[in-house]
Amino acid sequence: MIDFDDLGAEEVCEVLANARYPNRCISPDVKSVETREVDWSDEHPLNHSATAESAYRELFGAEERET
């Protein structure tokens, strides 16, 4: 999750845990939190679908997700 609202890690976990999902079939349990600060602008690679995945991998070293 990208914290566009500057909630902070603790509040993001609270929001995810307390969201009202349809028929309560989803029950998230946050296992870990990693944060990175970036200088944000409308042109930032995370803000565009064509470049968001690679920008995320660059920031967090995550493997590519299967679609």
Protein backbone atom coordinates (compact mmCIF):
# COMPACT_ATOMS: atom_id res chain seq x y z
CA MET A 1 0.00 0.00 0.00
CA ILE A 2 1.27 3.45 -0.81
CA ASP A 3 0.48 5.95 1.95
CA PHE A 4 -0.61 8.94 -0.12
CA ASP A 5 -2.35 10.45 2.93
CA ASP A 6 0.77 10.43 5.15
CA LEU A 7 -0.97 8.30 7.80
CA GLY A 8 2.15 6.51 8.98
CA ALA A 9 2.77 2.79 9.39
CA GLU A 10 0.67 2.28 12.53
CA GLU A 11 -2.41 4.03 11.12
CA VAL A 12 -2.13 2.21 7.78
CA CYS A 13 -2.21 -1.10 9.68
CA GLU A 14 -5.29 0.09 11.60
CA VAL A 15 -7.07 1.13 8.41
CA LEU A 16 -6.41 -2.23 6.76
CA ALA A 17 -7.40 -4.22 9.83
CA ASN A 18 -10.62 -2.28 10.44
CA ALA A 19 -11.89 -1.89 6.87
CA ARG A 20 -15.38 -3.25 6.27
CA TYR A 21 -14.96 -5.74 3.46
CA PRO A 22 -17.96 -7.30 1.70
CA ASN A 23 -19.42 -10.22 3.68
CA ARG A 24 -16.34 -10.19 5.95
CA CYS A 25 -14.62 -12.78 3.76
CA ILE A 26 -11.39 -10.76 3.83
CA SER A 27 -9.60 -10.42 7.14
CA PRO A 28 -6.20 -8.76 6.65
CA ASP A 29 -3.41 -9.33 9.13
CA VAL A 30 -0.40 -7.07 8.55
CA LYS A 31 2.77 -9.13 8.96
CA SER A 32 5.35 -6.43 8.34
CA VAL A 33 5.78 -2.85 7.23
CA GLU A 34 8.57 -1.37 5.14
CA THR A 35 8.74 2.31 4.41
CA ARG A 36 10.59 4.49 1.94
CA GLU A 37 10.33 8.23 1.55
CA VAL A 38 10.24 9.63 -1.97
CA ASP A 39 9.98 13.14 -3.34
CA TRP A 40 6.45 12.93 -4.73
CA SER A 41 5.13 14.62 -7.85
CA ASP A 42 2.52 13.83 -10.47
CA GLU A 43 5.38 12.62 -12.67
CA HIS A 44 6.70 10.09 -10.11
CA PRO A 45 6.99 6.57 -11.63
CA LEU A 46 4.76 5.11 -8.88
CA ASN A 47 1.99 7.41 -10.10
CA HIS A 48 1.79 5.83 -13.57
CA SER A 49 0.54 2.33 -14.35
CA ALA A 50 3.21 1.74 -17.01
CA THR A 51 6.09 2.34 -14.56
CA ALA A 52 4.60 1.68 -11.10
CA GLU A 53 5.57 -2.00 -10.86
CA SER A 54 9.23 -1.46 -11.74
CA ALA A 55 9.44 1.61 -9.46
CA TYR A 56 8.00 -0.44 -6.59
CA ARG A 57 10.52 -3.23 -7.20
CA GLU A 58 13.34 -0.68 -7.28
CA LEU A 59 12.27 0.79 -3.93
CA PHE A 60 11.57 -2.47 -2.12
CA GLY A 61 13.51 -5.11 -4.00
CA ALA A 62 10.32 -7.09 -4.49
CA GLU A 63 10.00 -9.79 -7.11
CA GLU A 64 7.58 -9.21 -9.97
CA ARG A 65 4.03 -10.20 -9.11
CA GLU A 66 2.13 -12.66 -11.27
CA THR A 67 -0.99 -11.26 -12.88
